[in-house]
N, C-alpha and C. Protein backbone atom coordinates (compact mmCIF):
# COMPACT_ATOMS: atom_id res chain seq x y z
N MET A 1 -37.44 10.78 28.41
CA MET A 1 -37.00 9.45 28.05
C MET A 1 -38.15 8.64 27.50
N SER A 2 -39.33 8.83 28.10
CA SER A 2 -40.48 8.07 27.61
C SER A 2 -40.89 8.55 26.23
N GLU A 3 -40.66 9.81 25.90
CA GLU A 3 -40.99 10.30 24.57
C GLU A 3 -40.09 9.64 23.51
N LEU A 4 -38.83 9.44 23.87
CA LEU A 4 -37.89 8.82 22.95
C LEU A 4 -38.28 7.38 22.68
N SER A 5 -38.60 6.66 23.72
CA SER A 5 -38.96 5.26 23.52
C SER A 5 -40.28 5.14 22.80
N ASN A 6 -41.21 6.04 23.04
CA ASN A 6 -42.49 5.99 22.33
C ASN A 6 -42.32 6.32 20.85
N SER A 7 -41.46 7.26 20.54
CA SER A 7 -41.25 7.62 19.13
C SER A 7 -40.56 6.49 18.38
N ASN A 8 -39.61 5.77 19.00
CA ASN A 8 -38.96 4.62 18.37
C ASN A 8 -39.95 3.49 18.17
N HIS A 9 -40.80 3.30 19.17
CA HIS A 9 -41.76 2.21 19.08
C HIS A 9 -42.80 2.49 18.00
N SER A 10 -43.23 3.69 17.89
CA SER A 10 -44.23 4.02 16.88
C SER A 10 -43.64 3.98 15.48
N ALA A 11 -42.36 4.18 15.33
CA ALA A 11 -41.73 4.13 14.01
C ALA A 11 -41.64 2.69 13.51
N THR A 12 -41.50 1.72 14.41
CA THR A 12 -41.37 0.33 13.98
C THR A 12 -42.71 -0.37 13.90
N THR A 13 -43.76 0.24 14.34
CA THR A 13 -45.09 -0.37 14.27
C THR A 13 -45.58 -0.31 12.84
N LEU A 14 -46.06 -1.44 12.35
CA LEU A 14 -46.54 -1.51 10.97
C LEU A 14 -48.05 -1.47 10.94
N GLU A 15 -48.56 -0.94 9.89
CA GLU A 15 -49.99 -0.97 9.66
C GLU A 15 -50.39 -2.40 9.32
N PRO A 16 -51.63 -2.79 9.52
CA PRO A 16 -52.06 -4.16 9.19
C PRO A 16 -51.81 -4.53 7.73
N THR A 17 -52.02 -3.64 6.82
CA THR A 17 -51.78 -3.95 5.41
C THR A 17 -50.29 -4.13 5.14
N ASP A 18 -49.45 -3.32 5.79
CA ASP A 18 -48.00 -3.49 5.64
C ASP A 18 -47.55 -4.82 6.23
N ALA A 19 -48.11 -5.17 7.36
CA ALA A 19 -47.75 -6.43 8.01
C ALA A 19 -48.13 -7.60 7.12
N LEU A 20 -49.32 -7.56 6.51
CA LEU A 20 -49.77 -8.63 5.62
C LEU A 20 -48.87 -8.72 4.40
N ALA A 21 -48.48 -7.57 3.86
CA ALA A 21 -47.57 -7.56 2.70
C ALA A 21 -46.21 -8.13 3.08
N THR A 22 -45.73 -7.80 4.27
CA THR A 22 -44.44 -8.31 4.73
C THR A 22 -44.50 -9.82 4.93
N ILE A 23 -45.59 -10.30 5.52
CA ILE A 23 -45.75 -11.74 5.74
C ILE A 23 -45.83 -12.48 4.40
N SER A 24 -46.59 -11.94 3.47
CA SER A 24 -46.72 -12.60 2.18
C SER A 24 -45.40 -12.59 1.42
N ARG A 25 -44.64 -11.49 1.49
CA ARG A 25 -43.31 -11.43 0.85
C ARG A 25 -42.37 -12.44 1.48
N ALA A 26 -42.41 -12.54 2.81
CA ALA A 26 -41.55 -13.50 3.52
C ALA A 26 -41.91 -14.93 3.13
N ALA A 27 -43.20 -15.22 2.99
CA ALA A 27 -43.62 -16.56 2.58
C ALA A 27 -43.14 -16.87 1.17
N ARG A 28 -43.28 -15.91 0.25
CA ARG A 28 -42.81 -16.11 -1.13
C ARG A 28 -41.30 -16.33 -1.16
N ASP A 29 -40.57 -15.47 -0.43
CA ASP A 29 -39.11 -15.59 -0.41
C ASP A 29 -38.69 -16.91 0.23
N GLY A 30 -39.38 -17.29 1.28
CA GLY A 30 -39.06 -18.57 1.94
C GLY A 30 -39.32 -19.75 1.02
N ALA A 31 -40.42 -19.72 0.28
CA ALA A 31 -40.73 -20.80 -0.66
C ALA A 31 -39.69 -20.84 -1.77
N SER A 32 -39.31 -19.66 -2.25
CA SER A 32 -38.30 -19.59 -3.31
C SER A 32 -36.96 -20.14 -2.81
N ASP A 33 -36.57 -19.73 -1.60
CA ASP A 33 -35.32 -20.23 -1.03
C ASP A 33 -35.37 -21.73 -0.81
N ALA A 34 -36.50 -22.23 -0.34
CA ALA A 34 -36.65 -23.67 -0.11
C ALA A 34 -36.56 -24.44 -1.43
N ARG A 35 -37.19 -23.91 -2.49
CA ARG A 35 -37.14 -24.56 -3.79
C ARG A 35 -35.70 -24.59 -4.32
N GLU A 36 -35.01 -23.48 -4.18
CA GLU A 36 -33.63 -23.40 -4.64
C GLU A 36 -32.74 -24.38 -3.87
N MET A 37 -32.92 -24.45 -2.57
CA MET A 37 -32.13 -25.36 -1.74
C MET A 37 -32.45 -26.81 -2.09
N ALA A 38 -33.72 -27.11 -2.33
CA ALA A 38 -34.10 -28.47 -2.71
C ALA A 38 -33.45 -28.86 -4.04
N ASN A 39 -33.41 -27.93 -4.98
CA ASN A 39 -32.75 -28.21 -6.26
C ASN A 39 -31.27 -28.48 -6.07
N ARG A 40 -30.62 -27.68 -5.24
CA ARG A 40 -29.19 -27.89 -4.97
C ARG A 40 -28.93 -29.24 -4.31
N VAL A 41 -29.76 -29.56 -3.33
CA VAL A 41 -29.61 -30.85 -2.63
C VAL A 41 -29.83 -31.99 -3.61
N TRP A 42 -30.85 -31.88 -4.48
CA TRP A 42 -31.12 -32.93 -5.45
C TRP A 42 -29.94 -33.12 -6.41
N GLU A 43 -29.38 -32.02 -6.90
CA GLU A 43 -28.23 -32.12 -7.81
C GLU A 43 -27.04 -32.77 -7.12
N ASN A 44 -26.76 -32.36 -5.89
CA ASN A 44 -25.62 -32.94 -5.17
C ASN A 44 -25.86 -34.41 -4.84
N THR A 45 -27.08 -34.75 -4.46
CA THR A 45 -27.39 -36.15 -4.16
C THR A 45 -27.30 -36.98 -5.43
N SER A 46 -27.81 -36.47 -6.51
CA SER A 46 -27.75 -37.18 -7.79
C SER A 46 -26.31 -37.42 -8.21
N LEU A 47 -25.47 -36.43 -8.06
CA LEU A 47 -24.05 -36.57 -8.40
C LEU A 47 -23.39 -37.62 -7.51
N PHE A 48 -23.68 -37.58 -6.21
CA PHE A 48 -23.10 -38.55 -5.28
C PHE A 48 -23.54 -39.97 -5.64
N VAL A 49 -24.84 -40.15 -5.90
CA VAL A 49 -25.35 -41.48 -6.22
C VAL A 49 -24.74 -42.01 -7.51
N SER A 50 -24.65 -41.17 -8.53
CA SER A 50 -24.08 -41.65 -9.80
C SER A 50 -22.60 -41.98 -9.64
N ARG A 51 -21.86 -41.19 -8.89
CA ARG A 51 -20.45 -41.53 -8.64
C ARG A 51 -20.31 -42.82 -7.84
N PHE A 52 -21.20 -42.99 -6.84
CA PHE A 52 -21.16 -44.20 -6.02
C PHE A 52 -21.46 -45.43 -6.87
N VAL A 53 -22.48 -45.35 -7.72
CA VAL A 53 -22.83 -46.49 -8.57
C VAL A 53 -21.70 -46.79 -9.55
N TYR A 54 -21.12 -45.76 -10.15
CA TYR A 54 -20.02 -45.97 -11.09
C TYR A 54 -18.83 -46.62 -10.40
N THR A 55 -18.44 -46.08 -9.26
CA THR A 55 -17.27 -46.61 -8.55
C THR A 55 -17.51 -48.04 -8.08
N THR A 56 -18.70 -48.32 -7.57
CA THR A 56 -19.01 -49.67 -7.12
C THR A 56 -19.01 -50.64 -8.29
N SER A 57 -19.62 -50.27 -9.40
CA SER A 57 -19.65 -51.14 -10.58
C SER A 57 -18.25 -51.39 -11.13
N TYR A 58 -17.47 -50.34 -11.19
CA TYR A 58 -16.11 -50.46 -11.70
C TYR A 58 -15.29 -51.40 -10.81
N THR A 59 -15.40 -51.20 -9.50
CA THR A 59 -14.63 -52.01 -8.56
C THR A 59 -15.04 -53.47 -8.63
N LEU A 60 -16.34 -53.72 -8.66
CA LEU A 60 -16.80 -55.11 -8.74
C LEU A 60 -16.39 -55.77 -10.05
N SER A 61 -16.57 -55.07 -11.16
CA SER A 61 -16.22 -55.68 -12.44
C SER A 61 -14.72 -55.93 -12.53
N TYR A 62 -13.93 -54.98 -12.07
CA TYR A 62 -12.48 -55.17 -12.09
C TYR A 62 -12.08 -56.31 -11.15
N GLY A 63 -12.73 -56.37 -10.00
CA GLY A 63 -12.43 -57.42 -9.02
C GLY A 63 -12.83 -58.80 -9.48
N VAL A 64 -13.78 -58.91 -10.40
CA VAL A 64 -14.20 -60.20 -10.92
C VAL A 64 -13.46 -60.54 -12.20
N VAL A 65 -13.41 -59.60 -13.13
CA VAL A 65 -12.84 -59.88 -14.44
C VAL A 65 -11.33 -60.09 -14.39
N PHE A 66 -10.62 -59.27 -13.64
CA PHE A 66 -9.16 -59.41 -13.61
C PHE A 66 -8.71 -60.77 -13.06
N PRO A 67 -9.19 -61.20 -11.89
CA PRO A 67 -8.76 -62.52 -11.41
C PRO A 67 -9.20 -63.65 -12.34
N ALA A 68 -10.42 -63.55 -12.91
CA ALA A 68 -10.88 -64.61 -13.81
C ALA A 68 -10.01 -64.68 -15.06
N THR A 69 -9.65 -63.54 -15.60
CA THR A 69 -8.77 -63.51 -16.78
C THR A 69 -7.38 -64.02 -16.43
N LEU A 70 -6.89 -63.63 -15.28
CA LEU A 70 -5.56 -64.09 -14.85
C LEU A 70 -5.53 -65.61 -14.71
N ILE A 71 -6.56 -66.16 -14.10
CA ILE A 71 -6.63 -67.62 -13.93
C ILE A 71 -6.80 -68.30 -15.28
N ALA A 72 -7.68 -67.76 -16.13
CA ALA A 72 -7.92 -68.37 -17.44
C ALA A 72 -6.66 -68.35 -18.31
N ARG A 73 -5.90 -67.27 -18.23
CA ARG A 73 -4.68 -67.17 -19.04
C ARG A 73 -3.55 -68.04 -18.49
N SER A 74 -3.62 -68.40 -17.23
CA SER A 74 -2.54 -69.19 -16.64
C SER A 74 -2.71 -70.69 -16.89
N ILE A 75 -3.90 -71.12 -17.32
CA ILE A 75 -4.14 -72.54 -17.60
C ILE A 75 -3.66 -72.85 -19.02
N PRO A 76 -2.86 -73.88 -19.20
CA PRO A 76 -2.42 -74.27 -20.55
C PRO A 76 -3.62 -74.65 -21.42
N VAL A 77 -3.55 -74.34 -22.70
CA VAL A 77 -4.69 -74.50 -23.59
C VAL A 77 -4.94 -75.96 -23.95
N ASP A 78 -3.91 -76.69 -24.26
CA ASP A 78 -4.10 -78.04 -24.77
C ASP A 78 -3.80 -79.07 -23.68
N ASN A 79 -4.79 -79.29 -22.80
CA ASN A 79 -4.66 -80.34 -21.80
C ASN A 79 -6.03 -80.91 -21.49
N ALA A 80 -6.08 -81.94 -20.70
CA ALA A 80 -7.34 -82.64 -20.42
C ALA A 80 -8.32 -81.76 -19.66
N ALA A 81 -7.85 -80.93 -18.75
CA ALA A 81 -8.75 -80.08 -17.94
C ALA A 81 -9.50 -79.09 -18.83
N VAL A 82 -8.79 -78.45 -19.75
CA VAL A 82 -9.41 -77.46 -20.63
C VAL A 82 -10.39 -78.15 -21.57
N ARG A 83 -9.99 -79.28 -22.14
CA ARG A 83 -10.90 -80.01 -23.02
C ARG A 83 -12.15 -80.44 -22.26
N GLY A 84 -12.00 -80.87 -21.02
CA GLY A 84 -13.16 -81.26 -20.20
C GLY A 84 -14.08 -80.09 -19.93
N LEU A 85 -13.50 -78.92 -19.64
CA LEU A 85 -14.33 -77.73 -19.42
C LEU A 85 -15.09 -77.33 -20.68
N VAL A 86 -14.43 -77.36 -21.82
CA VAL A 86 -15.07 -76.97 -23.08
C VAL A 86 -16.17 -77.96 -23.43
N GLU A 87 -15.89 -79.24 -23.32
CA GLU A 87 -16.90 -80.25 -23.66
C GLU A 87 -18.06 -80.22 -22.66
N GLY A 88 -17.78 -79.98 -21.40
CA GLY A 88 -18.84 -79.87 -20.40
C GLY A 88 -19.73 -78.66 -20.65
N ALA A 89 -19.12 -77.53 -21.02
CA ALA A 89 -19.90 -76.33 -21.34
C ALA A 89 -20.77 -76.57 -22.56
N HIS A 90 -20.22 -77.26 -23.54
CA HIS A 90 -20.98 -77.57 -24.75
C HIS A 90 -22.16 -78.49 -24.42
N ALA A 91 -21.94 -79.52 -23.62
CA ALA A 91 -23.01 -80.44 -23.22
C ALA A 91 -24.09 -79.72 -22.41
N ALA A 92 -23.67 -78.82 -21.54
CA ALA A 92 -24.64 -78.05 -20.74
C ALA A 92 -25.47 -77.14 -21.63
N THR A 93 -24.86 -76.55 -22.64
CA THR A 93 -25.60 -75.71 -23.58
C THR A 93 -26.63 -76.52 -24.35
N LEU A 94 -26.24 -77.71 -24.81
CA LEU A 94 -27.18 -78.57 -25.52
C LEU A 94 -28.35 -78.97 -24.62
N LYS A 95 -28.05 -79.33 -23.39
CA LYS A 95 -29.11 -79.75 -22.45
C LYS A 95 -30.05 -78.57 -22.15
N ALA A 96 -29.51 -77.39 -21.99
CA ALA A 96 -30.35 -76.21 -21.73
C ALA A 96 -31.27 -75.93 -22.91
N GLN A 97 -30.77 -76.07 -24.13
CA GLN A 97 -31.59 -75.88 -25.32
C GLN A 97 -32.69 -76.94 -25.39
N GLU A 98 -32.34 -78.18 -25.03
CA GLU A 98 -33.32 -79.26 -25.04
C GLU A 98 -34.42 -79.02 -24.01
N VAL A 99 -34.06 -78.55 -22.83
CA VAL A 99 -35.04 -78.28 -21.77
C VAL A 99 -35.95 -77.12 -22.16
N ARG A 100 -35.42 -76.13 -22.81
CA ARG A 100 -36.21 -74.98 -23.23
C ARG A 100 -37.13 -75.31 -24.40
N GLY A 101 -36.94 -76.45 -25.01
CA GLY A 101 -37.83 -76.86 -26.09
C GLY A 101 -37.27 -76.63 -27.47
N GLY A 102 -36.06 -76.14 -27.57
CA GLY A 102 -35.45 -75.93 -28.87
C GLY A 102 -34.79 -77.20 -29.36
N ASP A 103 -34.45 -77.23 -30.63
CA ASP A 103 -33.74 -78.37 -31.20
C ASP A 103 -32.26 -78.19 -30.92
N PRO A 104 -31.66 -79.07 -30.09
CA PRO A 104 -30.26 -78.89 -29.72
C PRO A 104 -29.30 -79.02 -30.89
N LEU A 105 -29.67 -79.71 -31.94
CA LEU A 105 -28.77 -79.89 -33.07
C LEU A 105 -28.69 -78.64 -33.93
N THR A 106 -29.81 -77.92 -34.09
CA THR A 106 -29.78 -76.73 -34.94
C THR A 106 -29.21 -75.53 -34.21
N SER A 107 -29.36 -75.47 -32.89
CA SER A 107 -28.84 -74.33 -32.15
C SER A 107 -27.50 -74.63 -31.51
N ALA A 108 -26.88 -75.76 -31.84
CA ALA A 108 -25.60 -76.11 -31.25
C ALA A 108 -24.47 -75.22 -31.77
N ALA A 109 -24.69 -74.57 -32.91
CA ALA A 109 -23.66 -73.71 -33.47
C ALA A 109 -23.49 -72.44 -32.66
N LEU A 110 -24.42 -72.12 -31.75
CA LEU A 110 -24.30 -70.93 -30.93
C LEU A 110 -23.13 -71.08 -30.05
């Protein structure tokens, strides 16, 4: 029985050069596997982030633009409130141009 166990043990024993080659191969394979996994993780993370940014931007823009358009379209065009808003926006634009140092009369056409 001891001969059998000794023969099995001696068959699995590696020479120092074989052991070094095995260790170096394992290190190369491990580095290669790690690089491949990192690339996969990066691609999946990149895809997730881009989808998240797109969905968030779409939701926010839809959530802002749709109600604003709905409210703007529901206000009658020819009344005092609309004229006041338009004239106030125009006056604010002129004042902003004046503060920035531009000539409000020449840039009023903007």
